Amino acid sequence: NYTIIVSSPGIERPLTREKDFQRFSGQKATLTIQQAQGKQTLTGVLRGVDKGCVVIQKDTDIMEVPVADLVDAHLAPDW
């Protein structure tokens, strides 16, 4: 007998690779960044990856976050 288990990363899908950030460009995401002052959380719209940096738009500001500085990144549901 076998049991097949099918799972999904869910609505808050974790983003781990650069191609994930490209694939979900245009969707809302939450990034946790490690900085010298401590951790910072950004929520905004993904705009892809450019030269090893994740590009995210928060309101009218566009920020580039080095992939190496990311502690956690996942899609943020827009309820």
PDB file of N, CA and C in Angstrom:
ATOM      1  N   ASN A   1       0.830  -1.178   0.000  1.00  0.00           N
ATOM      2  CA  ASN A   1       0.000   0.000   0.000  1.00  0.00           C
ATOM      3  C   ASN A   1       0.879   1.248   0.000  1.00  0.00           C
ATOM      4  N   TYR A   2       0.414   2.261  -0.723  1.00  0.00           N
ATOM      5  CA  TYR A   2       1.128   3.528  -0.795  1.00  0.00           C
ATOM      6  C   TYR A   2       0.170   4.660  -0.466  1.00  0.00           C
ATOM      7  N   THR A   3       0.704   5.683   0.137  1.00  0.00           N
ATOM      8  CA  THR A   3      -0.060   6.893   0.400  1.00  0.00           C
ATOM      9  C   THR A   3       0.628   8.036  -0.329  1.00  0.00           C
ATOM     10  N   ILE A   4      -0.108   8.713  -1.173  1.00  0.00           N
ATOM     11  CA  ILE A   4       0.441   9.851  -1.891  1.00  0.00           C
ATOM     12  C   ILE A   4       0.015  11.124  -1.168  1.00  0.00           C
ATOM     13  N   ILE A   5       1.006  11.941  -0.842  1.00  0.00           N
ATOM     14  CA  ILE A   5       0.739  13.209  -0.187  1.00  0.00           C
ATOM     15  C   ILE A   5       1.158  14.322  -1.136  1.00  0.00           C
ATOM     16  N   VAL A   6       0.216  15.185  -1.442  1.00  0.00           N
ATOM     17  CA  VAL A   6       0.486  16.320  -2.323  1.00  0.00           C
ATOM     18  C   VAL A   6       0.444  17.577  -1.469  1.00  0.00           C
ATOM     19  N   SER A   7       1.481  18.381  -1.585  1.00  0.00           N
ATOM     20  CA  SER A   7       1.498  19.600  -0.782  1.00  0.00           C
ATOM     21  C   SER A   7       1.799  20.809  -1.666  1.00  0.00           C
ATOM     22  N   SER A   8       1.518  21.945  -1.126  1.00  0.00           N
ATOM     23  CA  SER A   8       1.736  23.206  -1.831  1.00  0.00           C
ATOM     24  C   SER A   8       2.433  24.159  -0.880  1.00  0.00           C
ATOM     25  N   PRO A   9       3.281  25.053  -1.404  1.00  0.00           N
ATOM     26  CA  PRO A   9       3.916  26.025  -0.523  1.00  0.00           C
ATOM     27  C   PRO A   9       2.923  27.029   0.048  1.00  0.00           C
ATOM     28  N   GLY A  10       1.704  27.019  -0.452  1.00  0.00           N
ATOM     29  CA  GLY A  10       0.660  27.866   0.102  1.00  0.00           C
ATOM     30  C   GLY A  10       0.658  29.273  -0.444  1.00  0.00           C
ATOM     31  N   ILE A  11      -0.237  30.059   0.114  1.00  0.00           N
ATOM     32  CA  ILE A  11      -0.437  31.410  -0.382  1.00  0.00           C
ATOM     33  C   ILE A  11       0.743  32.320  -0.031  1.00  0.00           C
ATOM     34  N   GLU A  12       1.430  32.037   1.071  1.00  0.00           N
ATOM     35  CA  GLU A  12       2.595  32.819   1.453  1.00  0.00           C
ATOM     36  C   GLU A  12       3.867  32.094   1.015  1.00  0.00           C
ATOM     37  N   ARG A  13       3.946  31.791  -0.261  1.00  0.00           N
ATOM     38  CA  ARG A  13       5.048  31.034  -0.842  1.00  0.00           C
ATOM     39  C   ARG A  13       6.396  31.677  -0.510  1.00  0.00           C
ATOM     40  N   PRO A  14       7.350  30.901   0.002  1.00  0.00           N
ATOM     41  CA  PRO A  14       8.681  31.459   0.255  1.00  0.00           C
ATOM     42  C   PRO A  14       9.424  31.690  -1.068  1.00  0.00           C
ATOM     43  N   LEU A  15      10.189  32.762  -1.113  1.00  0.00           N
ATOM     44  CA  LEU A  15      10.997  33.083  -2.284  1.00  0.00           C
ATOM     45  C   LEU A  15      12.451  32.849  -1.895  1.00  0.00           C
ATOM     46  N   THR A  16      13.118  31.929  -2.593  1.00  0.00           N
ATOM     47  CA  THR A  16      14.466  31.554  -2.179  1.00  0.00           C
ATOM     48  C   THR A  16      15.526  31.777  -3.248  1.00  0.00           C
ATOM     49  N   ARG A  17      15.123  31.766  -4.509  1.00  0.00           N
ATOM     50  CA  ARG A  17      16.094  31.906  -5.602  1.00  0.00           C
ATOM     51  C   ARG A  17      15.806  33.166  -6.401  1.00  0.00           C
ATOM     52  N   GLU A  18      16.829  33.654  -7.105  1.00  0.00           N
ATOM     53  CA  GLU A  18      16.654  34.861  -7.919  1.00  0.00           C
ATOM     54  C   GLU A  18      15.548  34.680  -8.948  1.00  0.00           C
ATOM     55  N   LYS A  19      15.431  33.473  -9.504  1.00  0.00           N
ATOM     56  CA  LYS A  19      14.385  33.266 -10.513  1.00  0.00           C
ATOM     57  C   LYS A  19      12.979  33.314  -9.899  1.00  0.00           C
ATOM     58  N   ASP A  20      12.854  33.055  -8.580  1.00  0.00           N
ATOM     59  CA  ASP A  20      11.560  33.205  -7.910  1.00  0.00           C
ATOM     60  C   ASP A  20      11.124  34.672  -7.920  1.00  0.00           C
ATOM     61  N   PHE A  21      12.081  35.571  -7.670  1.00  0.00           N
ATOM     62  CA  PHE A  21      11.761  37.003  -7.653  1.00  0.00           C
ATOM     63  C   PHE A  21      11.372  37.489  -9.051  1.00  0.00           C
ATOM     64  N   GLN A  22      11.998  36.924 -10.084  1.00  0.00           N
ATOM     65  CA  GLN A  22      11.633  37.266 -11.466  1.00  0.00           C
ATOM     66  C   GLN A  22      10.244  36.719 -11.785  1.00  0.00           C
ATOM     67  N   ARG A  23      10.012  35.469 -11.410  1.00  0.00           N
ATOM     68  CA  ARG A  23       8.751  34.794 -11.727  1.00  0.00           C
ATOM     69  C   ARG A  23       7.547  35.507 -11.120  1.00  0.00           C
ATOM     70  N   PHE A  24       7.699  36.004  -9.894  1.00  0.00           N
ATOM     71  CA  PHE A  24       6.581  36.633  -9.198  1.00  0.00           C
ATOM     72  C   PHE A  24       6.646  38.160  -9.246  1.00  0.00           C
ATOM     73  N   SER A  25       7.374  38.685 -10.204  1.00  0.00           N
ATOM     74  CA  SER A  25       7.441  40.129 -10.402  1.00  0.00           C
ATOM     75  C   SER A  25       6.029  40.674 -10.627  1.00  0.00           C
ATOM     76  N   GLY A  26       5.710  41.779  -9.975  1.00  0.00           N
ATOM     77  CA  GLY A  26       4.374  42.370 -10.068  1.00  0.00           C
ATOM     78  C   GLY A  26       3.462  41.964  -8.930  1.00  0.00           C
ATOM     79  N   GLN A  27       3.913  41.022  -8.087  1.00  0.00           N
ATOM     80  CA  GLN A  27       3.097  40.585  -6.958  1.00  0.00           C
ATOM     81  C   GLN A  27       3.646  41.159  -5.651  1.00  0.00           C
ATOM     82  N   LYS A  28       2.783  41.249  -4.674  1.00  0.00           N
ATOM     83  CA  LYS A  28       3.148  41.792  -3.369  1.00  0.00           C
ATOM     84  C   LYS A  28       3.982  40.772  -2.592  1.00  0.00           C
ATOM     85  N   ALA A  29       5.050  41.261  -1.950  1.00  0.00           N
ATOM     86  CA  ALA A  29       5.931  40.384  -1.184  1.00  0.00           C
ATOM     87  C   ALA A  29       6.425  41.093   0.065  1.00  0.00           C
ATOM     88  N   THR A  30       6.858  40.289   1.030  1.00  0.00           N
ATOM     89  CA  THR A  30       7.473  40.804   2.251  1.00  0.00           C
ATOM     90  C   THR A  30       8.899  40.287   2.321  1.00  0.00           C
ATOM     91  N   LEU A  31       9.848  41.217   2.499  1.00  0.00           N
ATOM     92  CA  LEU A  31      11.262  40.872   2.599  1.00  0.00           C
ATOM     93  C   LEU A  31      11.757  41.227   3.988  1.00  0.00           C
ATOM     94  N   THR A  32      12.549  40.349   4.593  1.00  0.00           N
ATOM     95  CA  THR A  32      13.210  40.641   5.860  1.00  0.00           C
ATOM     96  C   THR A  32      14.696  40.751   5.559  1.00  0.00           C
ATOM     97  N   ILE A  33      15.268  41.889   5.955  1.00  0.00           N
ATOM     98  CA  ILE A  33      16.651  42.207   5.613  1.00  0.00           C
ATOM     99  C   ILE A  33      17.473  42.310   6.891  1.00  0.00           C
ATOM    100  N   GLN A  34      18.696  41.760   6.855  1.00  0.00           N
ATOM    101  CA  GLN A  34      19.622  41.896   7.976  1.00  0.00           C
ATOM    102  C   GLN A  34      20.522  43.087   7.705  1.00  0.00           C
ATOM    103  N   GLN A  35      20.497  44.075   8.593  1.00  0.00           N
ATOM    104  CA  GLN A  35      21.350  45.249   8.482  1.00  0.00           C
ATOM    105  C   GLN A  35      22.171  45.397   9.746  1.00  0.00           C
ATOM    106  N   ALA A  36      23.110  46.318   9.746  1.00  0.00           N
ATOM    107  CA  ALA A  36      23.954  46.538  10.925  1.00  0.00           C
ATOM    108  C   ALA A  36      23.119  46.934  12.138  1.00  0.00           C
ATOM    109  N   GLN A  37      22.014  47.675  11.915  1.00  0.00           N
ATOM    110  CA  GLN A  37      21.155  48.124  13.010  1.00  0.00           C
ATOM    111  C   GLN A  37      20.185  47.040  13.467  1.00  0.00           C
ATOM    112  N   GLY A  38      20.087  45.968  12.746  1.00  0.00           N
ATOM    113  CA  GLY A  38      19.154  44.891  13.070  1.00  0.00           C
ATOM    114  C   GLY A  38      18.337  44.502  11.850  1.00  0.00           C
ATOM    115  N   LYS A  39      17.276  43.775  12.076  1.00  0.00           N
ATOM    116  CA  LYS A  39      16.426  43.321  10.974  1.00  0.00           C
ATOM    117  C   LYS A  39      15.399  44.385  10.614  1.00  0.00           C
ATOM    118  N   GLN A  40      15.115  44.456   9.313  1.00  0.00           N
ATOM    119  CA  GLN A  40      14.105  45.380   8.809  1.00  0.00           C
ATOM    120  C   GLN A  40      13.173  44.597   7.899  1.00  0.00           C
ATOM    121  N   THR A  41      11.885  44.902   7.953  1.00  0.00           N
ATOM    122  CA  THR A  41      10.904  44.236   7.106  1.00  0.00           C
ATOM    123  C   THR A  41      10.329  45.239   6.123  1.00  0.00           C
ATOM    124  N   LEU A  42      10.331  44.846   4.843  1.00  0.00           N
ATOM    125  CA  LEU A  42       9.758  45.667   3.783  1.00  0.00           C
ATOM    126  C   LEU A  42       8.628  44.908   3.119  1.00  0.00           C
ATOM    127  N   THR A  43       7.527  45.570   2.856  1.00  0.00           N
ATOM    128  CA  THR A  43       6.431  44.975   2.105  1.00  0.00           C
ATOM    129  C   THR A  43       6.145  45.888   0.925  1.00  0.00           C
ATOM    130  N   GLY A  44       6.118  45.306  -0.259  1.00  0.00           N
ATOM    131  CA  GLY A  44       5.870  46.086  -1.461  1.00  0.00           C
ATOM    132  C   GLY A  44       5.679  45.171  -2.660  1.00  0.00           C
ATOM    133  N   VAL A  45       5.729  45.756  -3.839  1.00  0.00           N
ATOM    134  CA  VAL A  45       5.521  45.009  -5.080  1.00  0.00           C
ATOM    135  C   VAL A  45       6.881  44.657  -5.676  1.00  0.00           C
ATOM    136  N   LEU A  46       7.074  43.380  -5.955  1.00  0.00           N
ATOM    137  CA  LEU A  46       8.319  42.930  -6.575  1.00  0.00           C
ATOM    138  C   LEU A  46       8.443  43.490  -7.981  1.00  0.00           C
ATOM    139  N   ARG A  47       9.641  43.930  -8.329  1.00  0.00           N
ATOM    140  CA  ARG A  47       9.922  44.433  -9.671  1.00  0.00           C
ATOM    141  C   ARG A  47      11.042  43.647 -10.346  1.00  0.00           C
ATOM    142  N   GLY A  48      11.392  42.480  -9.766  1.00  0.00           N
ATOM    143  CA  GLY A  48      12.387  41.601 -10.388  1.00  0.00           C
ATOM    144  C   GLY A  48      13.725  41.637  -9.676  1.00  0.00           C
ATOM    145  N   VAL A  49      14.774  41.223 -10.418  1.00  0.00           N
ATOM    146  CA  VAL A  49      16.135  41.166  -9.897  1.00  0.00           C
ATOM    147  C   VAL A  49      17.041  41.891 -10.884  1.00  0.00           C
ATOM    148  N   ASP A  50      17.976  42.695 -10.353  1.00  0.00           N
ATOM    149  CA  ASP A  50      18.917  43.412 -11.195  1.00  0.00           C
ATOM    150  C   ASP A  50      20.291  43.383 -10.542  1.00  0.00           C
ATOM    151  N   LYS A  51      21.250  42.746 -11.183  1.00  0.00           N
ATOM    152  CA  LYS A  51      22.644  42.689 -10.712  1.00  0.00           C
ATOM    153  C   LYS A  51      22.766  42.198  -9.273  1.00  0.00           C
ATOM    154  N   GLY A  52      22.094  41.116  -8.951  1.00  0.00           N
ATOM    155  CA  GLY A  52      22.183  40.519  -7.625  1.00  0.00           C
ATOM    156  C   GLY A  52      21.379  41.225  -6.548  1.00  0.00           C
ATOM    157  N   CYS A  53      20.500  42.141  -6.953  1.00  0.00           N
ATOM    158  CA  CYS A  53      19.650  42.853  -6.005  1.00  0.00           C
ATOM    159  C   CYS A  53      18.182  42.632  -6.344  1.00  0.00           C
ATOM    160  N   VAL A  54      17.379  42.412  -5.324  1.00  0.00           N
ATOM    161  CA  VAL A  54      15.931  42.312  -5.502  1.00  0.00           C
ATOM    162  C   VAL A  54      15.394  43.735  -5.573  1.00  0.00           C
ATOM    163  N   VAL A  55      14.595  44.009  -6.587  1.00  0.00           N
ATOM    164  CA  VAL A  55      14.001  45.332  -6.750  1.00  0.00           C
ATOM    165  C   VAL A  55      12.566  45.257  -6.244  1.00  0.00           C
ATOM    166  N   ILE A  56      12.238  46.141  -5.281  1.00  0.00           N
ATOM    167  CA  ILE A  56      10.906  46.162  -4.688  1.00  0.00           C
ATOM    168  C   ILE A  56      10.410  47.606  -4.647  1.00  0.00           C
ATOM    169  N   GLN A  57       9.131  47.772  -4.933  1.00  0.00           N
ATOM    170  CA  GLN A  57       8.525  49.101  -4.923  1.00  0.00           C
ATOM    171  C   GLN A  57       7.600  49.213  -3.726  1.00  0.00           C
ATOM    172  N   LYS A  58       7.900  50.175  -2.866  1.00  0.00           N
ATOM    173  CA  LYS A  58       7.069  50.439  -1.686  1.00  0.00           C
ATOM    174  C   LYS A  58       6.503  51.838  -1.866  1.00  0.00           C
ATOM    175  N   ASP A  59       5.200  51.922  -2.072  1.00  0.00           N
ATOM    176  CA  ASP A  59       4.529  53.173  -2.412  1.00  0.00           C
ATOM    177  C   ASP A  59       5.155  53.723  -3.698  1.00  0.00           C
ATOM    178  N   THR A  60       5.787  54.881  -3.640  1.00  0.00           N
ATOM    179  CA  THR A  60       6.422  55.441  -4.839  1.00  0.00           C
ATOM    180  C   THR A  60       7.927  55.233  -4.842  1.00  0.00           C
ATOM    181  N   ASP A  61       8.472  54.682  -3.754  1.00  0.00           N
ATOM    182  CA  ASP A  61       9.914  54.437  -3.652  1.00  0.00           C
ATOM    183  C   ASP A  61      10.282  53.088  -4.243  1.00  0.00           C
ATOM    184  N   ILE A  62      11.347  53.064  -5.028  1.00  0.00           N
ATOM    185  CA  ILE A  62      11.869  51.810  -5.572  1.00  0.00           C
ATOM    186  C   ILE A  62      13.209  51.548  -4.898  1.00  0.00           C
ATOM    187  N   MET A  63      13.332  50.374  -4.261  1.00  0.00           N
ATOM    188  CA  MET A  63      14.534  50.029  -3.522  1.00  0.00           C
ATOM    189  C   MET A  63      15.175  48.780  -4.107  1.00  0.00           C
ATOM    190  N   GLU A  64      16.493  48.728  -4.025  1.00  0.00           N
ATOM    191  CA  GLU A  64      17.248  47.548  -4.434  1.00  0.00           C
ATOM    192  C   GLU A  64      17.872  46.943  -3.183  1.00  0.00           C
ATOM    193  N   VAL A  65      17.577  45.678  -2.942  1.00  0.00           N
ATOM    194  CA  VAL A  65      18.067  44.972  -1.755  1.00  0.00           C
ATOM    195  C   VAL A  65      18.980  43.843  -2.219  1.00  0.00           C
ATOM    196  N   PRO A  66      20.254  43.837  -1.785  1.00  0.00           N
ATOM    197  CA  PRO A  66      21.139  42.735  -2.166  1.00  0.00           C
ATOM    198  C   PRO A  66      20.579  41.381  -1.690  1.00  0.00           C
ATOM    199  N   VAL A  67      20.621  40.409  -2.571  1.00  0.00           N
ATOM    200  CA  VAL A  67      20.116  39.070  -2.238  1.00  0.00           C
ATOM    201  C   VAL A  67      20.853  38.519  -1.012  1.00  0.00           C
ATOM    202  N   ALA A  68      22.124  38.841  -0.865  1.00  0.00           N
ATOM    203  CA  ALA A  68      22.921  38.351   0.268  1.00  0.00           C
ATOM    204  C   ALA A  68      22.413  38.885   1.606  1.00  0.00           C
ATOM    205  N   ASP A  69      21.709  40.022   1.606  1.00  0.00           N
ATOM    206  CA  ASP A  69      21.204  40.616   2.849  1.00  0.00           C
ATOM    207  C   ASP A  69      19.839  40.070   3.261  1.00  0.00           C
ATOM    208  N   LEU A  70      19.196  39.261   2.417  1.00  0.00           N
ATOM    209  CA  LEU A  70      17.862  38.742   2.717  1.00  0.00           C
ATOM    210  C   LEU A  70      17.923  37.632   3.755  1.00  0.00           C
ATOM    211  N   VAL A  71      17.094  37.751   4.772  1.00  0.00           N
ATOM    212  CA  VAL A  71      16.947  36.715   5.793  1.00  0.00           C
ATOM    213  C   VAL A  71      15.739  35.854   5.441  1.00  0.00           C
ATOM    214  N   ASP A  72      14.674  36.504   4.984  1.00  0.00           N
ATOM    215  CA  ASP A  72      13.433  35.809   4.640  1.00  0.00           C
ATOM    216  C   ASP A  72      12.709  36.616   3.561  1.00  0.00           C
ATOM    217  N   ALA A  73      12.059  35.913   2.673  1.00  0.00           N
ATOM    218  CA  ALA A  73      11.252  36.567   1.644  1.00  0.00           C
ATOM    219  C   ALA A  73      10.104  35.639   1.293  1.00  0.00           C
ATOM    220  N   HIS A  74       8.889  36.206   1.217  1.00  0.00           N
ATOM    221  CA  HIS A  74       7.741  35.401   0.847  1.00  0.00           C
ATOM    222  C   HIS A  74       6.661  36.290   0.231  1.00  0.00           C
ATOM    223  N   LEU A  75       5.778  35.663  -0.539  1.00  0.00           N
ATOM    224  CA  LEU A  75       4.671  36.398  -1.105  1.00  0.00           C
ATOM    225  C   LEU A  75       3.729  36.826   0.008  1.00  0.00           C
ATOM    226  N   ALA A  76       3.157  38.001  -0.135  1.00  0.00           N
ATOM    227  CA  ALA A  76       2.231  38.525   0.870  1.00  0.00           C
ATOM    228  C   ALA A  76       0.846  38.580   0.249  1.00  0.00           C
ATOM    229  N   PRO A  77      -0.100  37.850   0.796  1.00  0.00           N
ATOM    230  CA  PRO A  77      -1.454  37.881   0.233  1.00  0.00           C
ATOM    231  C   PRO A  77      -2.063  39.271   0.359  1.00  0.00           C
ATOM    232  N   ASP A  78      -2.785  39.676  -0.652  1.00  0.00           N
ATOM    233  CA  ASP A  78      -3.435  40.981  -0.655  1.00  0.00           C
ATOM    234  C   ASP A  78      -4.913  40.763  -0.389  1.00  0.00           C
ATOM    235  N   TRP A  79      -5.273  40.760   0.884  1.00  0.00           N
ATOM    236  CA  TRP A  79      -6.651  40.476   1.273  1.00  0.00           C
ATOM    237  C   TRP A  79      -7.446  41.679   1.027  1.00  0.00           C
TER     238      TRP A  79
END
